[in-house]
């Protein structure tokens, strides 16, 4: 299974719920905690700046756009299900 990169923070209930779902499905992930420091915040802001269409609705509504999920192939989504992964199952 590929590792999913999750941009968010555990103080966000949506991020915490997504992490719980990933753990429940035994899906490998790496959390980039955007509140851990400037380096991780800049990484998220770069992702948001490079994907304006993906984050447009979140920005328009005053949101941050977390959690955001990215695959190793470069696909990104704001909904875990939008990545098209079979969580907990090997891809064939």
PDB file of N, CA and C in Angstrom:
ATOM      1  N   UNK A   1       0.844  -1.187   0.000  1.00  0.00           N
ATOM      2  CA  UNK A   1       0.000   0.000   0.000  1.00  0.00           C
ATOM      3  C   UNK A   1       0.882   1.241   0.000  1.00  0.00           C
ATOM      4  N   UNK A   2       0.445   2.229  -0.747  1.00  0.00           N
ATOM      5  CA  UNK A   2       1.213   3.462  -0.764  1.00  0.00           C
ATOM      6  C   UNK A   2       0.901   4.299   0.471  1.00  0.00           C
ATOM      7  N   UNK A   3       1.865   5.096   0.863  1.00  0.00           N
ATOM      8  CA  UNK A   3       1.704   5.982   2.003  1.00  0.00           C
ATOM      9  C   UNK A   3       0.986   7.253   1.560  1.00  0.00           C
ATOM     10  N   UNK A   4      -0.038   7.628   2.294  1.00  0.00           N
ATOM     11  CA  UNK A   4      -0.792   8.847   2.045  1.00  0.00           C
ATOM     12  C   UNK A   4      -0.199   9.954   2.918  1.00  0.00           C
ATOM     13  N   UNK A   5       0.056  11.098   2.324  1.00  0.00           N
ATOM     14  CA  UNK A   5       0.499  12.261   3.091  1.00  0.00           C
ATOM     15  C   UNK A   5      -0.746  13.056   3.488  1.00  0.00           C
ATOM     16  N   UNK A   6      -0.868  13.314   4.773  1.00  0.00           N
ATOM     17  CA  UNK A   6      -2.008  14.052   5.308  1.00  0.00           C
ATOM     18  C   UNK A   6      -1.497  15.383   5.843  1.00  0.00           C
ATOM     19  N   UNK A   7      -2.002  16.468   5.281  1.00  0.00           N
ATOM     20  CA  UNK A   7      -1.699  17.806   5.790  1.00  0.00           C
ATOM     21  C   UNK A   7      -2.849  18.200   6.700  1.00  0.00           C
ATOM     22  N   UNK A   8      -2.533  18.512   7.942  1.00  0.00           N
ATOM     23  CA  UNK A   8      -3.564  18.891   8.897  1.00  0.00           C
ATOM     24  C   UNK A   8      -2.955  19.058  10.271  1.00  0.00           C
ATOM     25  N   UNK A   9      -3.788  18.955  11.276  1.00  0.00           N
ATOM     26  CA  UNK A   9      -3.332  18.999  12.656  1.00  0.00           C
ATOM     27  C   UNK A   9      -4.340  18.248  13.506  1.00  0.00           C
ATOM     28  N   UNK A  10      -3.868  17.580  14.523  1.00  0.00           N
ATOM     29  CA  UNK A  10      -4.768  16.766  15.347  1.00  0.00           C
ATOM     30  C   UNK A  10      -5.747  17.607  16.161  1.00  0.00           C
ATOM     31  N   UNK A  11      -5.509  18.921  16.267  1.00  0.00           N
ATOM     32  CA  UNK A  11      -6.484  19.768  16.951  1.00  0.00           C
ATOM     33  C   UNK A  11      -7.684  20.071  16.054  1.00  0.00           C
ATOM     34  N   UNK A  12      -7.623  19.671  14.792  1.00  0.00           N
ATOM     35  CA  UNK A  12      -8.750  19.799  13.863  1.00  0.00           C
ATOM     36  C   UNK A  12      -9.562  18.502  13.922  1.00  0.00           C
ATOM     37  N   UNK A  13     -10.842  18.569  14.256  1.00  0.00           N
ATOM     38  CA  UNK A  13     -11.628  17.335  14.368  1.00  0.00           C
ATOM     39  C   UNK A  13     -11.717  16.561  13.056  1.00  0.00           C
ATOM     40  N   UNK A  14     -11.707  17.240  11.922  1.00  0.00           N
ATOM     41  CA  UNK A  14     -11.760  16.537  10.636  1.00  0.00           C
ATOM     42  C   UNK A  14     -10.464  15.770  10.380  1.00  0.00           C
ATOM     43  N   UNK A  15      -9.337  16.378  10.739  1.00  0.00           N
ATOM     44  CA  UNK A  15      -8.055  15.686  10.589  1.00  0.00           C
ATOM     45  C   UNK A  15      -7.993  14.480  11.525  1.00  0.00           C
ATOM     46  N   UNK A  16      -8.415  14.663  12.762  1.00  0.00           N
ATOM     47  CA  UNK A  16      -8.396  13.558  13.727  1.00  0.00           C
ATOM     48  C   UNK A  16      -9.268  12.402  13.255  1.00  0.00           C
ATOM     49  N   UNK A  17     -10.435  12.702  12.701  1.00  0.00           N
ATOM     50  CA  UNK A  17     -11.320  11.649  12.192  1.00  0.00           C
ATOM     51  C   UNK A  17     -10.698  10.932  10.998  1.00  0.00           C
ATOM     52  N   UNK A  18     -10.049  11.683  10.117  1.00  0.00           N
ATOM     53  CA  UNK A  18      -9.401  11.068   8.954  1.00  0.00           C
ATOM     54  C   UNK A  18      -8.255  10.152   9.381  1.00  0.00           C
ATOM     55  N   UNK A  19      -7.473  10.589  10.346  1.00  0.00           N
ATOM     56  CA  UNK A  19      -6.377   9.769  10.860  1.00  0.00           C
ATOM     57  C   UNK A  19      -6.928   8.487  11.479  1.00  0.00           C
ATOM     58  N   UNK A  20      -8.016   8.599  12.219  1.00  0.00           N
ATOM     59  CA  UNK A  20      -8.641   7.415  12.818  1.00  0.00           C
ATOM     60  C   UNK A  20      -9.097   6.446  11.726  1.00  0.00           C
ATOM     61  N   UNK A  21      -9.664   6.969  10.640  1.00  0.00           N
ATOM     62  CA  UNK A  21     -10.113   6.109   9.537  1.00  0.00           C
ATOM     63  C   UNK A  21      -8.929   5.424   8.872  1.00  0.00           C
ATOM     64  N   UNK A  22      -7.848   6.157   8.660  1.00  0.00           N
ATOM     65  CA  UNK A  22      -6.655   5.567   8.056  1.00  0.00           C
ATOM     66  C   UNK A  22      -6.076   4.476   8.949  1.00  0.00           C
ATOM     67  N   UNK A  23      -6.009   4.747  10.245  1.00  0.00           N
ATOM     68  CA  UNK A  23      -5.480   3.752  11.179  1.00  0.00           C
ATOM     69  C   UNK A  23      -6.381   2.526  11.246  1.00  0.00           C
ATOM     70  N   UNK A  24      -7.675   2.729  11.246  1.00  0.00           N
ATOM     71  CA  UNK A  24      -8.629   1.620  11.283  1.00  0.00           C
ATOM     72  C   UNK A  24      -8.477   0.727  10.055  1.00  0.00           C
ATOM     73  N   UNK A  25      -8.160   1.329   8.921  1.00  0.00           N
ATOM     74  CA  UNK A  25      -7.995   0.582   7.675  1.00  0.00           C
ATOM     75  C   UNK A  25      -6.561   0.085   7.480  1.00  0.00           C
ATOM     76  N   UNK A  26      -5.698   0.333   8.456  1.00  0.00           N
ATOM     77  CA  UNK A  26      -4.279  -0.043   8.380  1.00  0.00           C
ATOM     78  C   UNK A  26      -3.613   0.564   7.143  1.00  0.00           C
ATOM     79  N   UNK A  27      -4.043   1.769   6.779  1.00  0.00           N
ATOM     80  CA  UNK A  27      -3.484   2.486   5.627  1.00  0.00           C
ATOM     81  C   UNK A  27      -2.274   3.292   6.096  1.00  0.00           C
ATOM     82  N   UNK A  28      -1.101   3.056   5.522  1.00  0.00           N
ATOM     83  CA  UNK A  28       0.067   3.859   5.908  1.00  0.00           C
ATOM     84  C   UNK A  28      -0.145   5.339   5.567  1.00  0.00           C
ATOM     85  N   UNK A  29       0.279   6.208   6.465  1.00  0.00           N
ATOM     86  CA  UNK A  29       0.148   7.637   6.233  1.00  0.00           C
ATOM     87  C   UNK A  29       1.281   8.368   6.933  1.00  0.00           C
ATOM     88  N   UNK A  30       1.524   9.580   6.476  1.00  0.00           N
ATOM     89  CA  UNK A  30       2.453  10.482   7.134  1.00  0.00           C
ATOM     90  C   UNK A  30       1.689  11.759   7.416  1.00  0.00           C
ATOM     91  N   UNK A  31       1.634  12.173   8.665  1.00  0.00           N
ATOM     92  CA  UNK A  31       0.960  13.415   9.032  1.00  0.00           C
ATOM     93  C   UNK A  31       1.950  14.559   8.972  1.00  0.00           C
ATOM     94  N   UNK A  32       1.629  15.551   8.170  1.00  0.00           N
ATOM     95  CA  UNK A  32       2.374  16.806   8.165  1.00  0.00           C
ATOM     96  C   UNK A  32       1.547  17.763   9.016  1.00  0.00           C
ATOM     97  N   UNK A  33       1.956  17.901  10.282  1.00  0.00           N
ATOM     98  CA  UNK A  33       1.208  18.744  11.224  1.00  0.00           C
ATOM     99  C   UNK A  33       1.535  20.203  10.937  1.00  0.00           C
ATOM    100  N   UNK A  34       0.591  20.901  10.338  1.00  0.00           N
ATOM    101  CA  UNK A  34       0.847  22.263   9.880  1.00  0.00           C
ATOM    102  C   UNK A  34       1.061  23.246  11.019  1.00  0.00           C
ATOM    103  N   UNK A  35       0.747  22.841  12.241  1.00  0.00           N
ATOM    104  CA  UNK A  35       0.971  23.719  13.394  1.00  0.00           C
ATOM    105  C   UNK A  35       2.248  23.394  14.157  1.00  0.00           C
ATOM    106  N   UNK A  36       3.019  22.431  13.647  1.00  0.00           N
ATOM    107  CA  UNK A  36       4.234  22.007  14.345  1.00  0.00           C
ATOM    108  C   UNK A  36       5.373  23.013  14.197  1.00  0.00           C
ATOM    109  N   UNK A  37       5.316  23.845  13.186  1.00  0.00           N
ATOM    110  CA  UNK A  37       6.378  24.822  12.990  1.00  0.00           C
ATOM    111  C   UNK A  37       6.282  25.466  11.621  1.00  0.00           C
ATOM    112  N   UNK A  38       7.156  26.403  11.379  1.00  0.00           N
ATOM    113  CA  UNK A  38       7.122  27.133  10.110  1.00  0.00           C
ATOM    114  C   UNK A  38       7.390  26.242   8.910  1.00  0.00           C
ATOM    115  N   UNK A  39       8.267  25.264   9.051  1.00  0.00           N
ATOM    116  CA  UNK A  39       8.589  24.381   7.931  1.00  0.00           C
ATOM    117  C   UNK A  39       7.349  23.635   7.436  1.00  0.00           C
ATOM    118  N   UNK A  40       6.567  23.082   8.341  1.00  0.00           N
ATOM    119  CA  UNK A  40       5.381  22.333   7.934  1.00  0.00           C
ATOM    120  C   UNK A  40       4.260  23.263   7.477  1.00  0.00           C
ATOM    121  N   UNK A  41       4.147  24.426   8.087  1.00  0.00           N
ATOM    122  CA  UNK A  41       3.150  25.400   7.639  1.00  0.00           C
ATOM    123  C   UNK A  41       3.475  25.860   6.219  1.00  0.00           C
ATOM    124  N   UNK A  42       4.737  26.129   5.941  1.00  0.00           N
ATOM    125  CA  UNK A  42       5.150  26.537   4.595  1.00  0.00           C
ATOM    126  C   UNK A  42       4.893  25.426   3.581  1.00  0.00           C
ATOM    127  N   UNK A  43       5.115  24.182   3.973  1.00  0.00           N
ATOM    128  CA  UNK A  43       4.858  23.055   3.067  1.00  0.00           C
ATOM    129  C   UNK A  43       3.380  23.022   2.682  1.00  0.00           C
ATOM    130  N   UNK A  44       2.500  23.220   3.661  1.00  0.00           N
ATOM    131  CA  UNK A  44       1.066  23.239   3.370  1.00  0.00           C
ATOM    132  C   UNK A  44       0.695  24.441   2.506  1.00  0.00           C
ATOM    133  N   UNK A  45       1.210  25.610   2.840  1.00  0.00           N
ATOM    134  CA  UNK A  45       0.887  26.799   2.050  1.00  0.00           C
ATOM    135  C   UNK A  45       1.371  26.647   0.613  1.00  0.00           C
ATOM    136  N   UNK A  46       2.506  25.998   0.417  1.00  0.00           N
ATOM    137  CA  UNK A  46       2.994  25.732  -0.929  1.00  0.00           C
ATOM    138  C   UNK A  46       2.022  24.809  -1.668  1.00  0.00           C
ATOM    139  N   UNK A  47       1.551  23.767  -0.989  1.00  0.00           N
ATOM    140  CA  UNK A  47       0.563  22.859  -1.593  1.00  0.00           C
ATOM    141  C   UNK A  47      -0.691  23.644  -1.981  1.00  0.00           C
ATOM    142  N   UNK A  48      -1.160  24.488  -1.101  1.00  0.00           N
ATOM    143  CA  UNK A  48      -2.372  25.265  -1.362  1.00  0.00           C
ATOM    144  C   UNK A  48      -2.160  26.255  -2.511  1.00  0.00           C
ATOM    145  N   UNK A  49      -0.996  26.886  -2.547  1.00  0.00           N
ATOM    146  CA  UNK A  49      -0.694  27.831  -3.621  1.00  0.00           C
ATOM    147  C   UNK A  49      -0.565  27.138  -4.970  1.00  0.00           C
ATOM    148  N   UNK A  50      -0.060  25.909  -4.976  1.00  0.00           N
ATOM    149  CA  UNK A  50       0.146  25.170  -6.220  1.00  0.00           C
ATOM    150  C   UNK A  50      -1.124  24.491  -6.730  1.00  0.00           C
ATOM    151  N   UNK A  51      -2.168  24.450  -5.910  1.00  0.00           N
ATOM    152  CA  UNK A  51      -3.426  23.786  -6.269  1.00  0.00           C
ATOM    153  C   UNK A  51      -4.622  24.688  -5.981  1.00  0.00           C
ATOM    154  N   UNK A  52      -4.681  25.869  -6.607  1.00  0.00           N
ATOM    155  CA  UNK A  52      -5.741  26.825  -6.258  1.00  0.00           C
ATOM    156  C   UNK A  52      -7.153  26.291  -6.502  1.00  0.00           C
ATOM    157  N   UNK A  53      -7.353  25.499  -7.543  1.00  0.00           N
ATOM    158  CA  UNK A  53      -8.697  24.978  -7.815  1.00  0.00           C
ATOM    159  C   UNK A  53      -9.146  24.016  -6.713  1.00  0.00           C
ATOM    160  N   UNK A  54      -8.235  23.212  -6.216  1.00  0.00           N
ATOM    161  CA  UNK A  54      -8.568  22.251  -5.162  1.00  0.00           C
ATOM    162  C   UNK A  54      -9.017  22.961  -3.884  1.00  0.00           C
ATOM    163  N   UNK A  55      -8.371  24.069  -3.566  1.00  0.00           N
ATOM    164  CA  UNK A  55      -8.635  24.763  -2.302  1.00  0.00           C
ATOM    165  C   UNK A  55      -9.581  25.955  -2.444  1.00  0.00           C
ATOM    166  N   UNK A  56     -10.078  26.222  -3.647  1.00  0.00           N
ATOM    167  CA  UNK A  56     -10.886  27.422  -3.892  1.00  0.00           C
ATOM    168  C   UNK A  56     -12.101  27.514  -2.983  1.00  0.00           C
ATOM    169  N   UNK A  57     -12.851  26.435  -2.849  1.00  0.00           N
ATOM    170  CA  UNK A  57     -14.063  26.467  -2.028  1.00  0.00           C
ATOM    171  C   UNK A  57     -13.729  26.670  -0.553  1.00  0.00           C
ATOM    172  N   UNK A  58     -12.685  26.001  -0.074  1.00  0.00           N
ATOM    173  CA  UNK A  58     -12.283  26.172   1.327  1.00  0.00           C
ATOM    174  C   UNK A  58     -11.872  27.613   1.599  1.00  0.00           C
ATOM    175  N   UNK A  59     -11.088  28.190   0.699  1.00  0.00           N
ATOM    176  CA  UNK A  59     -10.642  29.575   0.866  1.00  0.00           C
ATOM    177  C   UNK A  59     -11.838  30.527   0.797  1.00  0.00           C
ATOM    178  N   UNK A  60     -12.727  30.287  -0.167  1.00  0.00           N
ATOM    179  CA  UNK A  60     -13.906  31.153  -0.338  1.00  0.00           C
ATOM    180  C   UNK A  60     -14.780  31.168   0.916  1.00  0.00           C
ATOM    181  N   UNK A  61     -14.891  30.014   1.563  1.00  0.00           N
ATOM    182  CA  UNK A  61     -15.743  29.918   2.748  1.00  0.00           C
ATOM    183  C   UNK A  61     -15.006  30.280   4.039  1.00  0.00           C
ATOM    184  N   UNK A  62     -13.753  30.715   3.921  1.00  0.00           N
ATOM    185  CA  UNK A  62     -12.996  31.112   5.102  1.00  0.00           C
ATOM    186  C   UNK A  62     -12.310  29.955   5.796  1.00  0.00           C
ATOM    187  N   UNK A  63     -12.281  28.800   5.155  1.00  0.00           N
ATOM    188  CA  UNK A  63     -11.631  27.628   5.733  1.00  0.00           C
ATOM    189  C   UNK A  63     -10.146  27.592   5.421  1.00  0.00           C
ATOM    190  N   UNK A  64      -9.499  26.596   5.981  1.00  0.00           N
ATOM    191  CA  UNK A  64      -8.065  26.425   5.779  1.00  0.00           C
ATOM    192  C   UNK A  64      -7.797  25.455   4.632  1.00  0.00           C
ATOM    193  N   UNK A  65      -8.618  24.409   4.556  1.00  0.00           N
ATOM    194  CA  UNK A  65      -8.401  23.381   3.549  1.00  0.00           C
ATOM    195  C   UNK A  65      -7.710  22.157   4.111  1.00  0.00           C
ATOM    196  N   UNK A  66      -7.983  21.880   5.386  1.00  0.00           N
ATOM    197  CA  UNK A  66      -7.428  20.667   5.997  1.00  0.00           C
ATOM    198  C   UNK A  66      -8.579  19.822   6.514  1.00  0.00           C
ATOM    199  N   UNK A  67      -8.379  18.542   6.540  1.00  0.00           N
ATOM    200  CA  UNK A  67      -7.192  17.840   6.082  1.00  0.00           C
ATOM    201  C   UNK A  67      -7.122  17.796   4.566  1.00  0.00           C
ATOM    202  N   UNK A  68      -5.900  17.762   4.067  1.00  0.00           N
ATOM    203  CA  UNK A  68      -5.645  17.563   2.640  1.00  0.00           C
ATOM    204  C   UNK A  68      -4.831  16.285   2.517  1.00  0.00           C
ATOM    205  N   UNK A  69      -5.146  15.500   1.515  1.00  0.00           N
ATOM    206  CA  UNK A  69      -4.532  14.186   1.332  1.00  0.00           C
ATOM    207  C   UNK A  69      -3.817  14.147  -0.008  1.00  0.00           C
ATOM    208  N   UNK A  70      -2.587  13.653  -0.019  1.00  0.00           N
ATOM    209  CA  UNK A  70      -1.824  13.534  -1.260  1.00  0.00           C
ATOM    210  C   UNK A  70      -1.242  12.129  -1.375  1.00  0.00           C
ATOM    211  N   UNK A  71      -1.259  11.620  -2.601  1.00  0.00           N
ATOM    212  CA  UNK A  71      -0.672  10.306  -2.879  1.00  0.00           C
ATOM    213  C   UNK A  71       0.763  10.486  -3.332  1.00  0.00           C
ATOM    214  N   UNK A  72       1.487   9.384  -3.352  1.00  0.00           N
ATOM    215  CA  UNK A  72       2.868   9.423  -3.813  1.00  0.00           C
ATOM    216  C   UNK A  72       2.941   9.734  -5.300  1.00  0.00           C
ATOM    217  N   UNK A  73       1.864   9.454  -6.039  1.00  0.00           N
ATOM    218  CA  UNK A  73       1.830   9.769  -7.466  1.00  0.00           C
ATOM    219  C   UNK A  73       1.523  11.240  -7.722  1.00  0.00           C
ATOM    220  N   UNK A  74       1.182  11.992  -6.678  1.00  0.00           N
ATOM    221  CA  UNK A  74       0.956  13.418  -6.833  1.00  0.00           C
ATOM    222  C   UNK A  74      -0.496  13.855  -6.824  1.00  0.00           C
ATOM    223  N   UNK A  75      -1.424  12.929  -6.729  1.00  0.00           N
ATOM    224  CA  UNK A  75      -2.832  13.304  -6.633  1.00  0.00           C
ATOM    225  C   UNK A  75      -3.146  13.851  -5.254  1.00  0.00           C
ATOM    226  N   UNK A  76      -3.970  14.878  -5.211  1.00  0.00           N
ATOM    227  CA  UNK A  76      -4.355  15.474  -3.928  1.00  0.00           C
ATOM    228  C   UNK A  76      -5.865  15.666  -3.880  1.00  0.00           C
ATOM    229  N   UNK A  77      -6.424  15.606  -2.688  1.00  0.00           N
ATOM    230  CA  UNK A  77      -7.861  15.765  -2.491  1.00  0.00           C
ATOM    231  C   UNK A  77      -8.110  16.284  -1.086  1.00  0.00           C
ATOM    232  N   UNK A  78      -9.290  16.862  -0.905  1.00  0.00           N
ATOM    233  CA  UNK A  78      -9.692  17.311   0.430  1.00  0.00           C
ATOM    234  C   UNK A  78     -10.616  16.310   1.107  1.00  0.00           C
ATOM    235  N   UNK A  79     -11.039  15.296   0.375  1.00  0.00           N
ATOM    236  CA  UNK A  79     -11.850  14.211   0.927  1.00  0.00           C
ATOM    237  C   UNK A  79     -11.078  12.919   0.733  1.00  0.00           C
ATOM    238  N   UNK A  80     -10.928  12.148   1.763  1.00  0.00           N
ATOM    239  CA  UNK A  80     -10.160  10.910   1.693  1.00  0.00           C
ATOM    240  C   UNK A  80     -10.690   9.976   0.614  1.00  0.00           C
ATOM    241  N   UNK A  81     -11.994   9.863   0.500  1.00  0.00           N
ATOM    242  CA  UNK A  81     -12.586   8.982  -0.500  1.00  0.00           C
ATOM    243  C   UNK A  81     -12.314   9.405  -1.928  1.00  0.00           C
ATOM    244  N   UNK A  82     -12.006  10.670  -2.141  1.00  0.00           N
ATOM    245  CA  UNK A  82     -11.762  11.173  -3.496  1.00  0.00           C
ATOM    246  C   UNK A  82     -10.468  10.646  -4.096  1.00  0.00           C
ATOM    247  N   UNK A  83      -9.604  10.040  -3.276  1.00  0.00           N
ATOM    248  CA  UNK A  83      -8.354   9.505  -3.801  1.00  0.00           C
ATOM    249  C   UNK A  83      -8.559   8.174  -4.514  1.00  0.00           C
ATOM    250  N   UNK A  84      -9.730   7.571  -4.352  1.00  0.00           N
ATOM    251  CA  UNK A  84     -10.019   6.319  -5.028  1.00  0.00           C
ATOM    252  C   UNK A  84      -9.235   5.139  -4.486  1.00  0.00           C
ATOM    253  N   UNK A  85      -8.861   5.195  -3.234  1.00  0.00           N
ATOM    254  CA  UNK A  85      -8.105   4.097  -2.627  1.00  0.00           C
ATOM    255  C   UNK A  85      -9.045   3.076  -2.002  1.00  0.00           C
ATOM    256  N   UNK A  86      -8.640   1.829  -2.078  1.00  0.00           N
ATOM    257  CA  UNK A  86      -9.338   0.788  -1.340  1.00  0.00           C
ATOM    258  C   UNK A  86      -8.631   0.683   0.004  1.00  0.00           C
ATOM    259  N   UNK A  87      -9.103   1.441   0.963  1.00  0.00           N
ATOM    260  CA  UNK A  87      -8.422   1.497   2.252  1.00  0.00           C
ATOM    261  C   UNK A  87      -8.327   0.125   2.883  1.00  0.00           C
ATOM    262  N   UNK A  88      -7.122  -0.196   3.299  1.00  0.00           N
ATOM    263  CA  UNK A  88      -6.881  -1.461   3.968  1.00  0.00           C
ATOM    264  C   UNK A  88      -6.683  -2.633   3.042  1.00  0.00           C
ATOM    265  N   UNK A  89      -6.702  -2.382   1.738  1.00  0.00           N
ATOM    266  CA  UNK A  89      -6.504  -3.456   0.777  1.00  0.00           C
ATOM    267  C   UNK A  89      -5.320  -3.108  -0.118  1.00  0.00           C
ATOM    268  N   UNK A  90      -4.572  -4.116  -0.540  1.00  0.00           N
ATOM    269  CA  UNK A  90      -3.469  -3.886  -1.451  1.00  0.00           C
ATOM    270  C   UNK A  90      -3.995  -3.536  -2.823  1.00  0.00           C
ATOM    271  N   UNK A  91      -3.355  -2.588  -3.485  1.00  0.00           N
ATOM    272  CA  UNK A  91      -3.733  -2.224  -4.838  1.00  0.00           C
ATOM    273  C   UNK A  91      -3.131  -3.249  -5.790  1.00  0.00           C
ATOM    274  N   UNK A  92      -3.898  -3.656  -6.797  1.00  0.00           N
ATOM    275  CA  UNK A  92      -3.373  -4.590  -7.782  1.00  0.00           C
ATOM    276  C   UNK A  92      -3.426  -3.972  -9.144  1.00  0.00           C
TER     277      UNK A  92
END
